[in-house]
Protein backbone atom coordinates (compact mmCIF):
# COMPACT_ATOMS: atom_id res chain seq x y z
CA MET A 1 0.01 -0.26 -0.27
CA SER A 2 1.55 3.64 -0.98
CA ALA A 3 1.60 6.23 2.50
CA PRO A 4 -1.49 8.39 1.47
CA THR A 5 -0.46 12.19 1.43
CA LEU A 6 -3.32 13.54 2.77
CA VAL A 7 -5.40 12.12 5.43
CA VAL A 8 -9.06 12.52 6.43
CA GLU A 9 -10.34 11.75 9.65
CA ASN A 10 -12.73 12.59 12.08
CA GLY A 11 -15.91 11.92 9.67
CA VAL A 12 -18.71 9.69 9.67
CA LEU A 13 -17.87 8.64 6.27
CA VAL A 14 -20.77 7.63 4.11
CA THR A 15 -18.92 5.10 2.09
CA MET A 16 -21.37 4.08 -0.31
CA ASP A 17 -20.18 1.26 -0.75
CA GLY A 18 -23.40 -1.16 0.40
CA ASP A 19 -24.65 -0.84 3.59
CA ARG A 20 -20.80 0.71 4.97
CA LEU A 21 -20.64 3.93 7.56
CA VAL A 22 -17.09 3.84 8.55
CA ARG A 23 -16.91 6.28 11.85
CA GLY A 24 -13.32 6.92 11.01
CA TRP A 25 -11.36 8.17 8.23
CA LEU A 26 -9.53 7.61 5.18
CA GLY A 27 -5.72 8.21 3.53
CA ILE A 28 -5.18 9.43 0.07
CA ALA A 29 -1.96 8.88 -2.24
CA GLY A 30 -1.62 9.27 -5.72
CA ASP A 31 -5.72 10.15 -7.49
CA ARG A 32 -6.29 7.00 -5.55
CA ILE A 33 -7.98 6.12 -2.10
CA VAL A 34 -5.38 3.52 -0.62
CA ALA A 35 -6.92 3.38 3.11
CA LEU A 36 -10.15 3.52 4.93
CA ALA A 37 -10.46 2.67 8.45
CA GLU A 38 -12.41 2.22 11.48
CA GLY A 39 -11.00 4.42 13.88
CA ALA A 40 -8.24 7.37 15.01
CA ALA A 41 -6.13 7.99 11.90
CA PRO A 42 -2.67 6.41 12.54
CA PRO A 43 1.08 9.47 12.31
CA ALA A 44 1.40 9.96 8.77
CA PRO A 45 4.53 11.66 8.41
CA GLY A 46 4.14 14.05 5.66
CA ALA A 47 0.97 13.80 4.67
CA ARG A 48 -2.02 16.98 4.39
CA ARG A 49 -4.60 15.86 6.65
CA VAL A 50 -8.26 17.46 6.63
CA ASP A 51 -10.36 17.12 9.66
CA ALA A 52 -14.05 16.01 9.04
CA ARG A 53 -15.16 16.67 12.69
CA GLY A 54 -17.70 15.12 13.16
CA GLY A 55 -19.43 15.40 9.99
CA TYR A 56 -20.15 13.21 7.15
CA VAL A 57 -17.16 12.83 4.67
CA ARG A 58 -18.51 11.58 0.90
CA PRO A 59 -18.00 10.88 -2.29
CA GLY A 60 -18.50 13.85 -5.06
CA PHE A 61 -22.16 13.65 -6.40
CA VAL A 62 -21.14 13.28 -9.82
CA SER A 63 -24.25 15.63 -11.95
CA ALA A 64 -24.75 13.37 -15.10
CA HIS A 65 -26.25 15.34 -17.78
CA GLN A 66 -25.73 18.79 -17.98
CA HIS A 67 -25.70 22.60 -19.74
CA SER A 68 -22.72 24.88 -18.72
CA MET A 69 -23.96 27.20 -21.08
CA ASP A 70 -27.03 27.66 -20.27
CA ALA A 71 -25.11 28.81 -16.98
CA LEU A 72 -26.00 33.40 -16.93
CA LEU A 73 -29.53 32.30 -17.76
CA PRO A 74 -31.18 31.29 -14.36
CA GLY A 75 -34.33 32.69 -13.79
CA SER A 76 -35.98 32.45 -16.87
CA ALA A 77 -38.50 30.12 -15.96
CA ALA A 78 -40.45 32.34 -14.42
CA ARG A 79 -43.18 31.64 -16.06
CA ALA A 80 -44.53 28.35 -18.10
CA ARG A 81 -43.23 28.46 -21.81
CA ALA A 82 -44.31 25.88 -24.50
CA PHE A 83 -41.28 23.66 -25.06
CA PRO A 84 -40.36 25.66 -28.09
CA ASP A 85 -40.42 29.11 -27.03
CA TRP A 86 -38.25 27.66 -24.69
CA LEU A 87 -35.70 25.75 -26.75
CA PHE A 88 -36.44 29.42 -29.55
CA GLY A 89 -36.76 31.78 -27.60
CA VAL A 90 -34.40 30.94 -24.00
CA HIS A 91 -31.57 29.13 -24.44
CA TYR A 92 -30.71 28.58 -28.55
CA ALA A 93 -31.18 32.81 -27.76
CA GLU A 94 -29.09 33.25 -25.84
CA VAL A 95 -25.91 30.59 -26.88
CA LEU A 96 -26.30 32.14 -30.25
CA GLY A 97 -24.62 34.80 -28.22
CA HIS A 98 -21.83 33.40 -27.16
CA GLY A 99 -18.46 34.83 -27.53
CA PRO A 100 -15.00 32.79 -25.60
CA GLU A 101 -15.44 35.49 -23.18
CA ARG A 102 -19.37 34.97 -22.31
CA ALA A 103 -18.56 30.86 -23.11
CA ALA A 104 -15.93 30.75 -20.07
CA GLU A 105 -18.12 33.47 -17.45
CA ALA A 106 -20.89 31.09 -18.22
CA ALA A 107 -18.38 27.75 -17.78
CA ARG A 108 -16.64 29.76 -14.26
CA ARG A 109 -20.09 29.93 -13.35
CA THR A 110 -21.70 26.04 -13.88
CA ALA A 111 -17.83 25.34 -11.78
CA ALA A 112 -18.02 27.50 -9.09
CA GLY A 113 -21.39 25.88 -8.65
CA LEU A 114 -20.57 22.92 -9.03
CA LEU A 115 -17.57 22.68 -7.12
CA ARG A 116 -20.06 24.84 -4.18
CA ALA A 117 -22.00 21.58 -3.47
CA GLY A 118 -19.70 18.60 -3.32
CA VAL A 119 -20.51 18.09 -7.54
CA THR A 120 -17.83 16.51 -7.97
CA THR A 121 -17.71 15.34 -11.84
CA VAL A 122 -19.97 16.97 -14.22
CA VAL A 123 -21.50 15.09 -17.91
CA ASP A 124 -22.10 18.67 -20.04
CA CYS A 125 -23.39 18.98 -23.19
CA TRP A 126 -21.91 21.76 -24.98
CA GLY A 127 -23.03 23.90 -26.95
CA VAL A 128 -23.44 27.57 -28.54
CA GLY A 129 -24.81 26.96 -31.92
CA ASP A 130 -22.75 27.04 -35.36
CA ALA A 131 -20.59 23.82 -34.44
CA GLY A 132 -17.81 23.88 -36.58
CA SER A 133 -17.82 28.04 -37.82
CA ALA A 134 -14.77 30.07 -36.37
CA ARG A 135 -16.72 30.98 -32.63
CA SER A 136 -17.83 27.67 -32.04
CA ARG A 137 -14.23 26.41 -31.97
CA GLU A 138 -13.35 29.27 -30.15
CA CYS A 139 -15.79 29.54 -27.75
CA LEU A 140 -15.05 25.88 -27.06
CA ALA A 141 -11.39 25.93 -26.15
CA ALA A 142 -12.11 29.10 -23.87
CA THR A 143 -14.64 26.53 -22.11
CA VAL A 144 -12.17 23.52 -22.28
CA GLU A 145 -9.12 26.24 -20.58
CA VAL A 146 -11.09 26.92 -17.71
CA ALA A 147 -13.03 23.35 -17.47
CA ARG A 148 -8.92 21.81 -17.00
CA ALA A 149 -8.46 24.38 -14.40
CA SER A 150 -11.61 23.91 -12.30
CA GLY A 151 -9.97 20.20 -11.29
CA LEU A 152 -13.49 18.94 -11.86
CA ARG A 153 -13.65 15.72 -13.58
CA TRP A 154 -15.57 17.16 -16.48
CA VAL A 155 -17.02 15.09 -19.67
CA LEU A 156 -17.36 17.85 -22.80
CA ALA A 157 -19.92 16.58 -25.05
CA PRO A 158 -20.62 19.17 -27.52
CA MET A 159 -23.91 18.91 -29.17
CA THR A 160 -24.27 18.23 -32.70
CA GLY A 161 -26.86 18.26 -35.19
CA ASP A 162 -27.49 18.27 -39.67
CA ARG A 163 -30.73 18.63 -39.70
CA LEU A 164 -34.26 20.01 -37.68
CA PRO A 165 -37.72 18.23 -36.97
CA ALA A 166 -40.65 19.48 -39.59
CA ALA A 167 -43.11 20.06 -36.32
CA TRP A 168 -40.15 23.13 -35.52
CA ALA A 169 -40.87 24.35 -38.91
CA ALA A 170 -43.60 26.95 -38.77
CA ASP A 171 -42.82 27.72 -34.34
CA LEU A 172 -38.64 28.12 -35.41
CA ALA A 173 -40.32 31.03 -38.17
CA ARG A 174 -42.82 32.70 -35.90
CA ILE A 175 -39.89 32.66 -32.82
CA ALA A 176 -37.08 34.17 -35.17
CA ALA A 177 -39.14 36.20 -36.78
CA ALA A 178 -39.91 37.63 -33.66
CA ASP A 179 -36.20 37.60 -31.78
CA ALA A 180 -32.78 38.95 -34.28
CA ARG A 181 -31.31 36.21 -31.99
CA VAL A 182 -32.59 33.43 -32.59
CA ARG A 183 -31.42 32.39 -36.16
CA PRO A 184 -32.64 28.98 -38.05
CA ASP A 185 -28.97 28.32 -40.04
CA GLY A 186 -27.48 27.80 -35.85
CA LEU A 187 -28.46 25.15 -35.17
CA THR A 188 -27.96 22.76 -37.56
CA THR A 189 -25.10 22.04 -39.73
CA SER A 190 -23.11 20.23 -42.31
CA THR A 191 -23.23 15.84 -41.09
CA ASP A 192 -18.84 16.26 -42.96
CA THR A 193 -18.77 19.84 -40.49
CA ALA A 194 -20.84 17.59 -37.52
CA LEU A 195 -18.15 15.25 -37.28
CA ALA A 196 -15.68 16.99 -38.53
CA PHE A 197 -16.08 19.35 -35.26
CA THR A 198 -16.89 16.93 -32.84
CA ALA A 199 -13.62 15.21 -33.45
CA HIS A 200 -12.08 18.77 -33.54
CA ALA A 201 -13.10 18.76 -29.19
CA MET A 202 -12.19 15.26 -28.70
CA GLU A 203 -8.02 16.47 -29.47
CA ALA A 204 -8.64 18.19 -26.42
CA ASP A 205 -9.49 15.07 -24.21
CA GLY A 206 -6.82 14.66 -21.28
CA GLU A 207 -6.21 16.49 -18.36
CA GLY A 208 -9.24 17.02 -16.43
CA VAL A 209 -11.34 17.05 -19.07
CA THR A 210 -12.98 13.46 -21.08
CA VAL A 211 -14.89 14.37 -24.67
CA TRP A 212 -18.01 11.87 -25.57
CA PRO A 213 -20.06 12.64 -28.91
CA CYS A 214 -22.89 13.87 -28.92
CA ALA A 215 -25.88 14.59 -31.33
CA GLU A 216 -28.60 16.61 -30.38
CA LEU A 217 -32.14 15.24 -30.59
CA PRO A 218 -32.01 12.13 -32.25
CA GLU A 219 -34.54 13.27 -34.06
CA MET A 220 -32.11 16.49 -34.95
CA ALA A 221 -29.61 13.90 -36.68
CA SER A 222 -29.81 11.54 -39.30
CA ASP A 223 -28.38 7.73 -39.53
CA GLY A 224 -25.05 9.28 -41.24
CA LEU A 225 -24.35 10.92 -38.35
CA LEU A 226 -25.77 8.91 -35.60
CA ARG A 227 -23.41 6.24 -37.40
CA GLY A 228 -20.30 8.14 -37.25
CA LEU A 229 -19.99 10.22 -34.16
CA ALA A 230 -20.52 6.35 -32.42
CA SER A 231 -17.52 5.32 -35.29
CA LEU A 232 -15.62 8.15 -32.88
CA ALA A 233 -16.67 7.19 -29.56
CA GLU A 234 -15.17 3.73 -30.57
CA HIS A 235 -12.27 4.64 -32.12
CA SER A 236 -12.03 7.22 -28.46
CA GLY A 237 -12.62 4.43 -25.89
CA GLY A 238 -15.58 6.56 -24.67
CA TRP A 239 -19.57 7.26 -25.34
CA VAL A 240 -22.53 8.94 -26.23
CA THR A 241 -24.43 11.23 -24.78
CA THR A 242 -27.68 12.92 -26.48
CA HIS A 243 -31.33 13.66 -25.15
CA LEU A 244 -33.35 11.00 -25.24
CA SER A 245 -37.23 10.45 -25.98
CA ALA A 246 -37.76 13.17 -24.57
CA SER A 247 -40.76 14.55 -25.86
CA PRO A 248 -43.36 11.58 -28.01
CA ASP A 249 -42.84 13.47 -31.23
CA GLY A 250 -38.90 12.70 -31.11
CA ALA A 251 -39.45 9.32 -29.46
CA ARG A 252 -40.51 7.20 -31.79
CA GLY A 253 -37.55 5.21 -33.49
CA ALA A 254 -35.58 6.92 -31.12
CA VAL A 255 -34.15 3.87 -29.42
CA ASP A 256 -34.57 1.67 -32.07
CA ARG A 257 -31.57 4.48 -33.96
CA VAL A 258 -29.41 5.02 -31.49
CA LEU A 259 -28.58 2.26 -30.33
CA GLY A 260 -28.43 0.92 -34.16
CA ALA A 261 -25.47 3.49 -34.09
CA ASN A 262 -24.04 2.03 -31.08
CA PRO A 263 -24.24 -1.74 -30.81
CA ALA A 264 -21.79 -1.55 -27.80
CA GLY A 265 -24.79 0.40 -26.14
CA ARG A 266 -21.73 2.89 -24.15
CA VAL A 267 -24.82 5.57 -24.34
CA LEU A 268 -25.75 8.07 -21.43
CA GLY A 269 -29.63 8.95 -22.43
CA ALA A 270 -30.28 12.19 -20.97
CA HIS A 271 -34.89 12.04 -19.64
CA LEU A 272 -36.26 9.13 -21.75
CA THR A 273 -38.97 10.67 -20.24
CA HIS A 274 -41.93 9.30 -23.26
CA ALA A 275 -39.41 5.87 -24.49
CA GLU A 276 -41.15 2.78 -23.99
CA PRO A 277 -40.94 -0.52 -21.31
CA ALA A 278 -39.71 -2.63 -24.21
CA GLU A 279 -37.64 0.33 -25.40
CA LEU A 280 -35.63 0.92 -22.08
CA ALA A 281 -35.36 -2.67 -21.65
CA ARG A 282 -33.14 -2.70 -24.88
CA LEU A 283 -31.16 -0.12 -23.86
CA ALA A 284 -30.96 -2.13 -20.01
CA ARG A 285 -29.74 -4.97 -21.69
CA ALA A 286 -26.96 -3.22 -24.36
CA GLY A 287 -25.81 -1.49 -20.73
CA ALA A 288 -26.71 2.18 -21.61
CA GLY A 289 -26.82 4.35 -18.32
CA ALA A 290 -29.98 6.95 -18.19
CA ALA A 291 -29.96 10.01 -16.34
CA HIS A 292 -33.14 12.15 -14.71
CA CYS A 293 -33.50 15.56 -15.28
CA PRO A 294 -36.95 15.98 -11.99
CA SER A 295 -35.78 19.95 -11.71
CA SER A 296 -35.97 20.54 -15.04
CA THR A 297 -38.93 18.48 -16.62
CA MET A 298 -40.71 20.03 -13.83
CA LEU A 299 -40.22 23.78 -14.88
CA GLY A 300 -40.47 22.57 -17.93
CA GLY A 301 -43.93 21.45 -17.77
CA GLY A 302 -43.57 17.43 -17.66
CA SER A 303 -46.62 16.12 -15.69
CA THR A 304 -44.77 12.59 -15.51
CA SER A 305 -41.48 11.51 -13.84
CA ALA A 306 -39.99 8.79 -15.46
CA LEU A 307 -37.53 7.47 -13.25
CA GLY A 308 -39.97 4.23 -12.50
CA ARG A 309 -39.88 3.11 -15.25
CA VAL A 310 -36.43 3.63 -16.12
CA ARG A 311 -35.42 2.19 -12.83
CA GLU A 312 -37.74 -0.91 -13.25
CA ALA A 313 -36.41 -1.39 -17.26
CA GLY A 314 -32.33 -2.06 -14.77
CA LEU A 315 -31.07 0.77 -16.20
CA PRO A 316 -28.27 2.65 -13.95
CA VAL A 317 -29.96 5.98 -13.53
CA GLY A 318 -27.68 9.23 -13.34
CA LEU A 319 -28.99 12.70 -11.05
CA GLY A 320 -28.53 15.46 -14.20
CA LEU A 321 -28.98 19.59 -12.65
CA ASP A 322 -29.89 20.01 -16.78
CA ASN A 323 -29.66 23.84 -17.75
CA GLY A 324 -29.49 27.08 -15.77
CA SER A 325 -32.75 28.65 -17.64
CA LEU A 326 -34.23 25.58 -16.36
CA ASN A 327 -32.49 24.90 -12.68
CA GLY A 328 -30.82 27.88 -11.98
CA THR A 329 -28.31 26.42 -9.06
CA ALA A 330 -26.38 23.49 -8.60
CA ASP A 331 -28.05 21.61 -5.87
CA MET A 332 -27.49 18.47 -5.66
CA VAL A 333 -29.25 18.19 -2.80
CA LEU A 334 -32.88 19.78 -3.68
CA GLU A 335 -32.07 18.26 -6.66
CA MET A 336 -32.12 14.26 -4.78
CA ARG A 337 -35.36 16.03 -2.65
CA HIS A 338 -37.16 17.16 -6.61
CA ALA A 339 -36.16 13.22 -7.82
CA LEU A 340 -38.13 11.78 -5.01
CA MET A 341 -40.92 14.55 -4.56
CA PHE A 342 -41.60 14.04 -8.41
CA ASP A 343 -41.69 10.49 -8.13
CA ARG A 344 -44.74 10.74 -5.18
CA VAL A 345 -46.74 12.60 -7.48
CA ALA A 346 -46.79 11.57 -10.98
CA GLY A 347 -44.43 8.33 -10.74
CA THR A 348 -44.67 5.57 -13.27
CA THR A 349 -44.85 2.53 -11.25
CA GLY A 350 -46.45 0.93 -8.44
CA ARG A 351 -43.39 1.68 -6.53
CA ARG A 352 -41.33 4.32 -5.09
CA VAL A 353 -37.97 5.72 -4.77
CA ASP A 354 -36.55 6.71 -1.01
CA ALA A 355 -34.14 8.62 0.26
CA GLU A 356 -31.59 6.24 -0.08
CA THR A 357 -32.17 5.35 -4.12
CA VAL A 358 -31.45 8.98 -4.85
CA LEU A 359 -28.56 9.53 -3.09
CA ARG A 360 -26.52 6.72 -4.74
CA MET A 361 -28.55 8.27 -7.81
CA ALA A 362 -26.95 11.07 -6.72
CA THR A 363 -23.00 8.83 -6.09
CA CYS A 364 -22.04 5.45 -7.11
CA GLU A 365 -25.18 4.64 -9.59
CA GLY A 366 -25.41 8.15 -11.17
CA ALA A 367 -21.11 7.42 -11.56
CA VAL A 368 -22.00 3.57 -13.63
CA ALA A 369 -24.99 5.26 -15.49
CA ILE A 370 -21.85 7.81 -17.19
CA GLY A 371 -19.32 4.78 -17.15
CA ARG A 372 -17.33 5.58 -14.40
CA PRO A 373 -17.67 2.46 -11.81
CA ASP A 374 -14.77 3.94 -9.63
CA LEU A 375 -16.51 6.74 -8.75
CA GLY A 376 -19.96 8.03 -6.40
CA VAL A 377 -17.83 5.81 -4.16
CA LEU A 378 -15.11 5.15 -1.00
CA ARG A 379 -13.26 2.47 -1.00
CA VAL A 380 -9.48 1.21 -1.37
CA GLY A 381 -8.48 1.80 -5.32
CA ALA A 382 -11.46 3.72 -6.21
CA ALA A 383 -10.80 7.42 -7.70
CA ALA A 384 -10.38 9.94 -4.84
CA ASP A 385 -12.70 12.07 -4.74
CA VAL A 386 -14.08 12.91 -1.60
CA VAL A 387 -16.44 16.10 0.02
CA VAL A 388 -16.92 16.40 3.95
CA VAL A 389 -20.28 18.26 5.00
CA ASP A 390 -20.48 19.64 7.33
CA THR A 391 -23.11 18.29 10.86
CA SER A 392 -23.38 21.23 13.02
CA GLY A 393 -25.43 23.30 12.51
CA GLU A 394 -28.75 23.03 14.19
CA HIS A 395 -30.99 21.66 11.12
CA TRP A 396 -29.06 19.12 11.49
CA ARG A 397 -31.23 17.69 14.80
CA PRO A 398 -32.24 15.35 14.92
CA ARG A 399 -30.19 13.26 12.60
CA THR A 400 -30.49 9.33 12.69
CA ASP A 401 -30.28 8.28 8.98
CA PRO A 402 -26.67 9.21 7.04
CA ALA A 403 -28.46 9.38 3.96
CA ALA A 404 -32.54 10.78 4.31
CA ALA A 405 -30.50 12.85 6.63
CA MET A 406 -28.45 13.85 3.34
CA VAL A 407 -31.47 14.28 1.71
CA PHE A 408 -33.35 15.99 3.85
CA GLN A 409 -31.27 18.46 5.88
CA GLU A 410 -27.84 19.47 3.87
CA ARG A 411 -27.59 22.63 2.63
CA ALA A 412 -25.66 24.94 0.58
CA GLY A 413 -23.34 25.75 2.06
CA ASP A 414 -22.85 22.27 4.26
CA VAL A 415 -19.40 21.26 1.64
CA THR A 416 -15.99 22.77 3.79
CA ASP A 417 -13.92 20.50 2.00
CA VAL A 418 -13.62 19.42 -1.80
CA VAL A 419 -10.73 16.58 -3.08
CA VAL A 420 -11.16 15.44 -7.01
CA GLY A 421 -8.15 13.04 -7.77
CA GLY A 422 -6.25 13.52 -4.51
CA ARG A 423 -6.39 17.77 -5.82
CA VAL A 424 -7.60 19.75 -2.65
CA LEU A 425 -9.80 21.96 -4.42
CA MET A 426 -12.06 23.63 -1.77
CA SER A 427 -10.65 24.09 2.42
CA ALA A 428 -12.56 25.86 5.21
CA ARG A 429 -15.28 26.80 2.80
CA GLU A 430 -12.81 27.94 0.50
CA PRO A 431 -11.46 27.46 -3.28
CA VAL A 432 -7.77 26.66 -3.44
CA PRO A 433 -6.16 28.51 -5.69
CA ALA A 434 -3.66 25.75 -8.07
CA GLN A 435 -0.73 24.77 -7.77
């Protein structure tokens, strides 16, 4: 065993490794956990020590589906909008105007929010429109620079599309006529350009940033684009992600098309709101993962939680904070509550999720859903993504079950220390500058 260079001690370790709850310490060397035990930590000469002071020590949260470029749009869900009015009149009206400075600002705001909330891994479905243009490449480069500097595990998935659904034409024309910021030609590009832009983005893979191919929606992608994106992912060993079966029209044939292009099943499907049970079962058999985004689904007008149906099919499910225009915080604890409440009010099966289940979705199950079972868990050999939560506040009293306490009692600001890959990113609630 390597000697620890960082020790987190005097905490209640919520390991997410089976039912283990350890009152003790863990040791980190390099980017891995190398020791975990009950009781007092032994001497470790030269090691940095983090005192949890009796609080919870948990794995970093995983946000399985998010959009960093929407981070400058909080509050835009203040009134209800039909989906086309949000997609074109809010989302695209904003991101089509991004230059590299604004893209960097949005990425910095995303990173800061994730760090404060103890979210250590994010799958960022990234896009500013005009995929492949000089502007999009400059915005991408600015985002990559911020992502690397953040120290977080950042999966960047540049969204592409080479066609528009015919059903969108009237709404898009109406909104574009009323708002000059909305340029229909900025929403898609040619198949070749989309694939070239994705290949260009994948050159940034490494140094804390992983790049996945991404079709914005299957209904925005030809079969040729889906196959091309899958080929790029296969050659890189990565996954493909997309908004999958997010609307009734978009759900028709989408799962079959995506799995047809990705027979190995390395697919992360976001939402799956309108997927049929048989389609979900096919995804599960293929080894795909799911990202559930309850806050944005509810604020977008969704009336049914697909969570029960997705879980019943056997898919591993993660939680996604989605976008700043429909979910203006990076609060994964709130997302867990919303997942539980949405399921109880508008669930799709006879069973309802409990606090432990949604906590697993935010940690170890969410990690499996994105193909990284070494994340979201505290065990020897796992990635050293560790978060310390201060439980001294009165809002933590009384406290019995850790899962229930972390879902129902934790508040923004309770996270004191964050370690990602063995690097301390936040100490005593203050960000730690890069060394």
